[in-house]
PDB file of N, CA and C in Angstrom:
ATOM      1  N   UNK A   1      -0.421  21.545  15.822  1.00  0.00           N
ATOM      2  CA  UNK A   1      -1.326  20.384  15.014  1.00  0.00           C
ATOM      3  C   UNK A   1      -2.826  21.367  14.817  1.00  0.00           C
ATOM      4  N   UNK A   2      -3.085  21.172  13.418  1.00  0.00           N
ATOM      5  CA  UNK A   2      -4.242  21.667  13.074  1.00  0.00           C
ATOM      6  C   UNK A   2      -5.654  20.782  13.079  1.00  0.00           C
ATOM      7  N   UNK A   3      -6.829  21.664  13.222  1.00  0.00           N
ATOM      8  CA  UNK A   3      -7.821  20.620  13.355  1.00  0.00           C
ATOM      9  C   UNK A   3      -8.596  20.683  12.111  1.00  0.00           C
ATOM     10  N   UNK A   4      -9.013  19.409  11.736  1.00  0.00           N
ATOM     11  CA  UNK A   4      -9.776  19.366  10.388  1.00  0.00           C
ATOM     12  C   UNK A   4     -11.254  18.525  10.998  1.00  0.00           C
ATOM     13  N   UNK A   5     -12.257  18.961  10.312  1.00  0.00           N
ATOM     14  CA  UNK A   5     -13.680  18.443  10.567  1.00  0.00           C
ATOM     15  C   UNK A   5     -13.922  17.961   9.080  1.00  0.00           C
ATOM     16  N   UNK A   6     -14.875  16.498   9.237  1.00  0.00           N
ATOM     17  CA  UNK A   6     -15.284  16.185   7.960  1.00  0.00           C
ATOM     18  C   UNK A   6     -16.406  15.245   8.589  1.00  0.00           C
ATOM     19  N   UNK A   7     -16.931  15.029   7.398  1.00  0.00           N
ATOM     20  CA  UNK A   7     -18.413  14.134   7.497  1.00  0.00           C
ATOM     21  C   UNK A   7     -17.959  12.836   6.949  1.00  0.00           C
ATOM     22  N   UNK A   8     -18.703  11.981   7.371  1.00  0.00           N
ATOM     23  CA  UNK A   8     -18.288  10.448   6.891  1.00  0.00           C
ATOM     24  C   UNK A   8     -19.727   9.643   7.041  1.00  0.00           C
ATOM     25  N   UNK A   9     -19.806   8.890   6.239  1.00  0.00           N
ATOM     26  CA  UNK A   9     -21.084   8.094   5.947  1.00  0.00           C
ATOM     27  C   UNK A   9     -21.350   7.141   7.469  1.00  0.00           C
ATOM     28  N   UNK A  10     -22.696   7.108   7.747  1.00  0.00           N
ATOM     29  CA  UNK A  10     -22.862   6.505   9.165  1.00  0.00           C
ATOM     30  C   UNK A  10     -22.331   4.992   8.999  1.00  0.00           C
ATOM     31  N   UNK A  11     -22.328   4.353   8.203  1.00  0.00           N
ATOM     32  CA  UNK A  11     -21.612   2.982   8.123  1.00  0.00           C
ATOM     33  C   UNK A  11     -20.359   2.968   8.389  1.00  0.00           C
ATOM     34  N   UNK A  12     -19.538   3.934   7.813  1.00  0.00           N
ATOM     35  CA  UNK A  12     -18.081   4.011   7.956  1.00  0.00           C
ATOM     36  C   UNK A  12     -17.745   4.335   9.552  1.00  0.00           C
ATOM     37  N   UNK A  13     -18.536   5.622   9.772  1.00  0.00           N
ATOM     38  CA  UNK A  13     -18.506   5.929  11.213  1.00  0.00           C
ATOM     39  C   UNK A  13     -18.726   4.917  12.036  1.00  0.00           C
ATOM     40  N   UNK A  14     -19.692   4.135  11.930  1.00  0.00           N
ATOM     41  CA  UNK A  14     -19.942   2.918  12.882  1.00  0.00           C
ATOM     42  C   UNK A  14     -18.500   1.960  13.028  1.00  0.00           C
ATOM     43  N   UNK A  15     -18.236   1.967  11.648  1.00  0.00           N
ATOM     44  CA  UNK A  15     -16.883   0.778  11.565  1.00  0.00           C
ATOM     45  C   UNK A  15     -15.933   1.445  12.271  1.00  0.00           C
ATOM     46  N   UNK A  16     -15.455   2.747  12.344  1.00  0.00           N
ATOM     47  CA  UNK A  16     -14.323   3.312  12.725  1.00  0.00           C
ATOM     48  C   UNK A  16     -14.632   3.205  14.102  1.00  0.00           C
ATOM     49  N   UNK A  17     -15.953   3.400  14.715  1.00  0.00           N
ATOM     50  CA  UNK A  17     -15.789   3.335  16.506  1.00  0.00           C
ATOM     51  C   UNK A  17     -15.817   1.987  16.826  1.00  0.00           C
ATOM     52  N   UNK A  18     -15.958   1.080  16.202  1.00  0.00           N
ATOM     53  CA  UNK A  18     -15.956  -0.217  16.621  1.00  0.00           C
ATOM     54  C   UNK A  18     -14.351  -0.875  16.422  1.00  0.00           C
ATOM     55  N   UNK A  19     -13.816  -0.431  15.585  1.00  0.00           N
ATOM     56  CA  UNK A  19     -12.264  -0.398  15.392  1.00  0.00           C
ATOM     57  C   UNK A  19     -11.495   0.379  16.480  1.00  0.00           C
ATOM     58  N   UNK A  20     -11.978   1.778  16.884  1.00  0.00           N
ATOM     59  CA  UNK A  20     -11.283   2.577  17.942  1.00  0.00           C
ATOM     60  C   UNK A  20     -11.755   1.666  19.197  1.00  0.00           C
ATOM     61  N   UNK A  21     -12.817   1.169  19.221  1.00  0.00           N
ATOM     62  CA  UNK A  21     -13.116   0.389  20.687  1.00  0.00           C
ATOM     63  C   UNK A  21     -12.205  -0.945  20.888  1.00  0.00           C
ATOM     64  N   UNK A  22     -12.237  -1.731  19.633  1.00  0.00           N
ATOM     65  CA  UNK A  22     -11.235  -2.728  19.709  1.00  0.00           C
ATOM     66  C   UNK A  22     -10.048  -2.619  19.810  1.00  0.00           C
ATOM     67  N   UNK A  23      -9.301  -1.482  19.532  1.00  0.00           N
ATOM     68  CA  UNK A  23      -8.074  -1.258  19.474  1.00  0.00           C
ATOM     69  C   UNK A  23      -7.633  -0.318  20.701  1.00  0.00           C
ATOM     70  N   UNK A  24      -8.716  -0.019  21.441  1.00  0.00           N
ATOM     71  CA  UNK A  24      -8.472   0.795  22.432  1.00  0.00           C
ATOM     72  C   UNK A  24      -7.667   2.243  22.220  1.00  0.00           C
ATOM     73  N   UNK A  25      -8.287   2.813  21.115  1.00  0.00           N
ATOM     74  CA  UNK A  25      -7.614   4.106  20.723  1.00  0.00           C
ATOM     75  C   UNK A  25      -8.624   5.029  20.169  1.00  0.00           C
ATOM     76  N   UNK A  26      -8.447   5.957  20.283  1.00  0.00           N
ATOM     77  CA  UNK A  26      -9.452   7.205  20.137  1.00  0.00           C
ATOM     78  C   UNK A  26      -9.242   7.127  18.440  1.00  0.00           C
ATOM     79  N   UNK A  27     -10.590   7.684  18.048  1.00  0.00           N
ATOM     80  CA  UNK A  27     -10.991   7.816  16.407  1.00  0.00           C
ATOM     81  C   UNK A  27      -9.867   8.415  15.796  1.00  0.00           C
ATOM     82  N   UNK A  28      -9.465   9.727  16.259  1.00  0.00           N
ATOM     83  CA  UNK A  28      -8.565  10.762  15.499  1.00  0.00           C
ATOM     84  C   UNK A  28      -7.204  10.070  15.270  1.00  0.00           C
ATOM     85  N   UNK A  29      -6.721   9.317  16.264  1.00  0.00           N
ATOM     86  CA  UNK A  29      -5.591   8.495  15.937  1.00  0.00           C
ATOM     87  C   UNK A  29      -5.595   7.629  15.152  1.00  0.00           C
ATOM     88  N   UNK A  30      -6.933   6.550  15.055  1.00  0.00           N
ATOM     89  CA  UNK A  30      -6.847   5.757  14.187  1.00  0.00           C
ATOM     90  C   UNK A  30      -6.881   6.157  12.678  1.00  0.00           C
ATOM     91  N   UNK A  31      -7.680   7.458  12.688  1.00  0.00           N
ATOM     92  CA  UNK A  31      -8.101   8.003  11.272  1.00  0.00           C
ATOM     93  C   UNK A  31      -6.488   8.503  10.891  1.00  0.00           C
ATOM     94  N   UNK A  32      -5.797   9.149  11.789  1.00  0.00           N
ATOM     95  CA  UNK A  32      -4.316   9.405  11.441  1.00  0.00           C
ATOM     96  C   UNK A  32      -3.213   8.396  10.947  1.00  0.00           C
ATOM     97  N   UNK A  33      -3.415   7.225  11.559  1.00  0.00           N
ATOM     98  CA  UNK A  33      -2.589   6.179  11.293  1.00  0.00           C
ATOM     99  C   UNK A  33      -3.128   5.506  10.168  1.00  0.00           C
ATOM    100  N   UNK A  34      -4.309   5.674   9.904  1.00  0.00           N
ATOM    101  CA  UNK A  34      -4.850   4.840   8.490  1.00  0.00           C
ATOM    102  C   UNK A  34      -4.443   5.606   7.294  1.00  0.00           C
ATOM    103  N   UNK A  35      -4.773   7.057   7.487  1.00  0.00           N
ATOM    104  CA  UNK A  35      -4.529   7.914   6.414  1.00  0.00           C
ATOM    105  C   UNK A  35      -3.045   8.112   6.288  1.00  0.00           C
ATOM    106  N   UNK A  36      -2.132   7.599   7.154  1.00  0.00           N
ATOM    107  CA  UNK A  36      -0.636   7.764   6.819  1.00  0.00           C
ATOM    108  C   UNK A  36      -0.194   6.486   5.974  1.00  0.00           C
ATOM    109  N   UNK A  37      -0.725   5.501   6.195  1.00  0.00           N
ATOM    110  CA  UNK A  37      -0.485   4.297   5.532  1.00  0.00           C
ATOM    111  C   UNK A  37      -0.998   4.569   4.182  1.00  0.00           C
ATOM    112  N   UNK A  38      -2.553   5.015   4.035  1.00  0.00           N
ATOM    113  CA  UNK A  38      -2.803   4.824   2.772  1.00  0.00           C
ATOM    114  C   UNK A  38      -1.963   6.089   1.714  1.00  0.00           C
ATOM    115  N   UNK A  39      -1.601   7.008   2.378  1.00  0.00           N
ATOM    116  CA  UNK A  39      -0.726   8.157   1.636  1.00  0.00           C
ATOM    117  C   UNK A  39       0.506   7.729   1.236  1.00  0.00           C
ATOM    118  N   UNK A  40       1.101   6.661   2.109  1.00  0.00           N
ATOM    119  CA  UNK A  40       2.208   6.014   1.632  1.00  0.00           C
ATOM    120  C   UNK A  40       2.237   4.820   0.690  1.00  0.00           C
ATOM    121  N   UNK A  41       0.959   4.395   0.501  1.00  0.00           N
ATOM    122  CA  UNK A  41       0.825   3.485  -0.428  1.00  0.00           C
ATOM    123  C   UNK A  41       0.552   3.999  -1.764  1.00  0.00           C
ATOM    124  N   UNK A  42       0.188   5.241  -1.654  1.00  0.00           N
ATOM    125  CA  UNK A  42      -0.341   6.265  -2.865  1.00  0.00           C
ATOM    126  C   UNK A  42       0.958   6.718  -3.625  1.00  0.00           C
ATOM    127  N   UNK A  43       2.039   6.970  -2.556  1.00  0.00           N
ATOM    128  CA  UNK A  43       3.578   7.042  -3.011  1.00  0.00           C
ATOM    129  C   UNK A  43       4.059   5.994  -3.631  1.00  0.00           C
ATOM    130  N   UNK A  44       4.148   5.091  -3.182  1.00  0.00           N
ATOM    131  CA  UNK A  44       4.536   3.780  -3.695  1.00  0.00           C
ATOM    132  C   UNK A  44       3.977   3.460  -5.188  1.00  0.00           C
ATOM    133  N   UNK A  45       2.736   3.516  -5.060  1.00  0.00           N
ATOM    134  CA  UNK A  45       1.969   3.139  -6.561  1.00  0.00           C
ATOM    135  C   UNK A  45       2.646   4.289  -7.399  1.00  0.00           C
ATOM    136  N   UNK A  46       2.914   5.368  -6.863  1.00  0.00           N
ATOM    137  CA  UNK A  46       3.292   6.319  -8.050  1.00  0.00           C
ATOM    138  C   UNK A  46       4.760   6.244  -8.542  1.00  0.00           C
ATOM    139  N   UNK A  47       5.600   5.681  -7.324  1.00  0.00           N
ATOM    140  CA  UNK A  47       6.755   5.129  -8.080  1.00  0.00           C
ATOM    141  C   UNK A  47       6.874   3.963  -8.958  1.00  0.00           C
ATOM    142  N   UNK A  48       5.817   3.119  -8.810  1.00  0.00           N
ATOM    143  CA  UNK A  48       5.524   1.758  -9.461  1.00  0.00           C
ATOM    144  C   UNK A  48       5.170   2.204 -10.965  1.00  0.00           C
ATOM    145  N   UNK A  49       4.323   3.116 -10.843  1.00  0.00           N
ATOM    146  CA  UNK A  49       4.009   3.644 -12.055  1.00  0.00           C
ATOM    147  C   UNK A  49       4.983   4.396 -13.084  1.00  0.00           C
ATOM    148  N   UNK A  50       5.819   5.350 -12.219  1.00  0.00           N
ATOM    149  CA  UNK A  50       7.066   5.731 -13.029  1.00  0.00           C
ATOM    150  C   UNK A  50       7.859   5.058 -13.276  1.00  0.00           C
ATOM    151  N   UNK A  51       8.312   3.879 -12.577  1.00  0.00           N
ATOM    152  CA  UNK A  51       9.355   3.024 -13.299  1.00  0.00           C
ATOM    153  C   UNK A  51       8.737   2.143 -14.049  1.00  0.00           C
ATOM    154  N   UNK A  52       7.367   1.861 -14.344  1.00  0.00           N
ATOM    155  CA  UNK A  52       6.879   1.201 -15.688  1.00  0.00           C
ATOM    156  C   UNK A  52       6.855   1.968 -16.810  1.00  0.00           C
ATOM    157  N   UNK A  53       6.333   3.190 -16.522  1.00  0.00           N
ATOM    158  CA  UNK A  53       6.660   4.315 -17.997  1.00  0.00           C
ATOM    159  C   UNK A  53       8.245   4.171 -18.073  1.00  0.00           C
ATOM    160  N   UNK A  54       9.200   4.161 -17.425  1.00  0.00           N
ATOM    161  CA  UNK A  54      10.481   4.289 -17.868  1.00  0.00           C
ATOM    162  C   UNK A  54      10.875   3.146 -18.820  1.00  0.00           C
ATOM    163  N   UNK A  55      10.422   1.937 -18.117  1.00  0.00           N
ATOM    164  CA  UNK A  55      10.694   0.690 -18.755  1.00  0.00           C
ATOM    165  C   UNK A  55       9.986   0.547 -20.147  1.00  0.00           C
ATOM    166  N   UNK A  56       9.291   1.307 -20.397  1.00  0.00           N
ATOM    167  CA  UNK A  56       8.819   1.512 -22.027  1.00  0.00           C
ATOM    168  C   UNK A  56       9.605   2.641 -22.648  1.00  0.00           C
ATOM    169  N   UNK A  57      10.197   3.291 -21.981  1.00  0.00           N
ATOM    170  CA  UNK A  57      11.195   4.314 -22.796  1.00  0.00           C
ATOM    171  C   UNK A  57      12.561   4.192 -23.205  1.00  0.00           C
ATOM    172  N   UNK A  58      12.547   3.799 -24.622  1.00  0.00           N
ATOM    173  CA  UNK A  58      13.529   3.342 -25.162  1.00  0.00           C
ATOM    174  C   UNK A  58      14.843   4.381 -25.032  1.00  0.00           C
ATOM    175  N   UNK A  59      14.722   5.525 -24.752  1.00  0.00           N
ATOM    176  CA  UNK A  59      16.091   6.205 -24.528  1.00  0.00           C
ATOM    177  C   UNK A  59      16.468   6.153 -23.038  1.00  0.00           C
ATOM    178  N   UNK A  60      15.435   6.249 -22.197  1.00  0.00           N
ATOM    179  CA  UNK A  60      15.967   5.757 -20.833  1.00  0.00           C
ATOM    180  C   UNK A  60      16.847   4.300 -20.644  1.00  0.00           C
ATOM    181  N   UNK A  61      15.915   3.443 -21.015  1.00  0.00           N
ATOM    182  CA  UNK A  61      16.602   2.030 -21.671  1.00  0.00           C
ATOM    183  C   UNK A  61      18.266   2.122 -21.997  1.00  0.00           C
ATOM    184  N   UNK A  62      18.153   2.851 -22.956  1.00  0.00           N
ATOM    185  CA  UNK A  62      19.471   3.020 -23.772  1.00  0.00           C
ATOM    186  C   UNK A  62      20.576   3.703 -22.769  1.00  0.00           C
ATOM    187  N   UNK A  63      20.254   4.814 -21.997  1.00  0.00           N
ATOM    188  CA  UNK A  63      21.199   5.207 -21.005  1.00  0.00           C
ATOM    189  C   UNK A  63      21.560   4.486 -19.974  1.00  0.00           C
ATOM    190  N   UNK A  64      20.364   3.860 -19.587  1.00  0.00           N
ATOM    191  CA  UNK A  64      21.050   2.832 -18.559  1.00  0.00           C
ATOM    192  C   UNK A  64      21.988   1.754 -18.875  1.00  0.00           C
ATOM    193  N   UNK A  65      21.648   1.191 -20.108  1.00  0.00           N
ATOM    194  CA  UNK A  65      22.673   0.260 -20.548  1.00  0.00           C
ATOM    195  C   UNK A  65      24.227   0.827 -20.964  1.00  0.00           C
ATOM    196  N   UNK A  66      24.023   1.974 -21.449  1.00  0.00           N
ATOM    197  CA  UNK A  66      25.421   2.591 -21.572  1.00  0.00           C
ATOM    198  C   UNK A  66      25.972   2.816 -20.102  1.00  0.00           C
ATOM    199  N   UNK A  67      25.199   3.057 -19.245  1.00  0.00           N
ATOM    200  CA  UNK A  67      25.792   3.208 -17.963  1.00  0.00           C
ATOM    201  C   UNK A  67      26.368   2.088 -17.478  1.00  0.00           C
ATOM    202  N   UNK A  68      25.534   1.019 -17.603  1.00  0.00           N
ATOM    203  CA  UNK A  68      26.026  -0.234 -17.009  1.00  0.00           C
ATOM    204  C   UNK A  68      27.095  -0.755 -17.909  1.00  0.00           C
ATOM    205  N   UNK A  69      27.550  -0.215 -19.276  1.00  0.00           N
ATOM    206  CA  UNK A  69      28.543  -0.565 -19.944  1.00  0.00           C
ATOM    207  C   UNK A  69      29.903  -0.008 -19.460  1.00  0.00           C
ATOM    208  N   UNK A  70      29.696   1.275 -19.247  1.00  0.00           N
ATOM    209  CA  UNK A  70      30.707   2.304 -18.569  1.00  0.00           C
ATOM    210  C   UNK A  70      31.198   1.839 -17.169  1.00  0.00           C
ATOM    211  N   UNK A  71      30.102   0.954 -16.320  1.00  0.00           N
ATOM    212  CA  UNK A  71      30.518   0.834 -15.043  1.00  0.00           C
ATOM    213  C   UNK A  71      31.230  -0.650 -15.355  1.00  0.00           C
ATOM    214  N   UNK A  72      30.979  -1.371 -16.067  1.00  0.00           N
ATOM    215  CA  UNK A  72      31.624  -2.819 -16.221  1.00  0.00           C
ATOM    216  C   UNK A  72      32.884  -2.589 -16.724  1.00  0.00           C
ATOM    217  N   UNK A  73      32.957  -1.681 -17.536  1.00  0.00           N
ATOM    218  CA  UNK A  73      34.331  -1.351 -18.000  1.00  0.00           C
ATOM    219  C   UNK A  73      35.353  -0.868 -17.022  1.00  0.00           C
ATOM    220  N   UNK A  74      34.657   0.175 -16.116  1.00  0.00           N
ATOM    221  CA  UNK A  74      35.471   0.597 -14.913  1.00  0.00           C
ATOM    222  C   UNK A  74      35.795  -0.620 -13.768  1.00  0.00           C
ATOM    223  N   UNK A  75      34.970  -1.422 -13.578  1.00  0.00           N
ATOM    224  CA  UNK A  75      35.359  -2.559 -12.867  1.00  0.00           C
ATOM    225  C   UNK A  75      36.609  -3.353 -13.338  1.00  0.00           C
ATOM    226  N   UNK A  76      36.489  -3.352 -14.815  1.00  0.00           N
ATOM    227  CA  UNK A  76      37.167  -4.433 -15.334  1.00  0.00           C
ATOM    228  C   UNK A  76      38.686  -3.931 -15.034  1.00  0.00           C
ATOM    229  N   UNK A  77      38.825  -2.472 -15.401  1.00  0.00           N
ATOM    230  CA  UNK A  77      40.182  -1.878 -15.642  1.00  0.00           C
ATOM    231  C   UNK A  77      40.614  -1.726 -13.924  1.00  0.00           C
ATOM    232  N   UNK A  78      39.918  -1.831 -12.905  1.00  0.00           N
ATOM    233  CA  UNK A  78      40.280  -1.854 -11.615  1.00  0.00           C
ATOM    234  C   UNK A  78      40.942  -3.172 -11.154  1.00  0.00           C
ATOM    235  N   UNK A  79      40.314  -4.128 -11.690  1.00  0.00           N
ATOM    236  CA  UNK A  79      40.508  -5.508 -11.169  1.00  0.00           C
ATOM    237  C   UNK A  79      41.895  -6.019 -11.861  1.00  0.00           C
TER     238      UNK A  79
END
């Protein structure tokens, strides 16, 4: 595990200390947990952004529709 040193505004550090006390958790563990949650949310937001961009891409939509047509045709021939 690596060591990371940072500065925080006094008000944020105070809130961190209060939360750590309330949760009976070391500040570094609370920061680690909060950072993991935040980074996961950023990843999810990036996926959402890419899916929205694809929804506006007519080429992607056409490929998806063609794929669905082939899939439905395959299902119908198996049944």
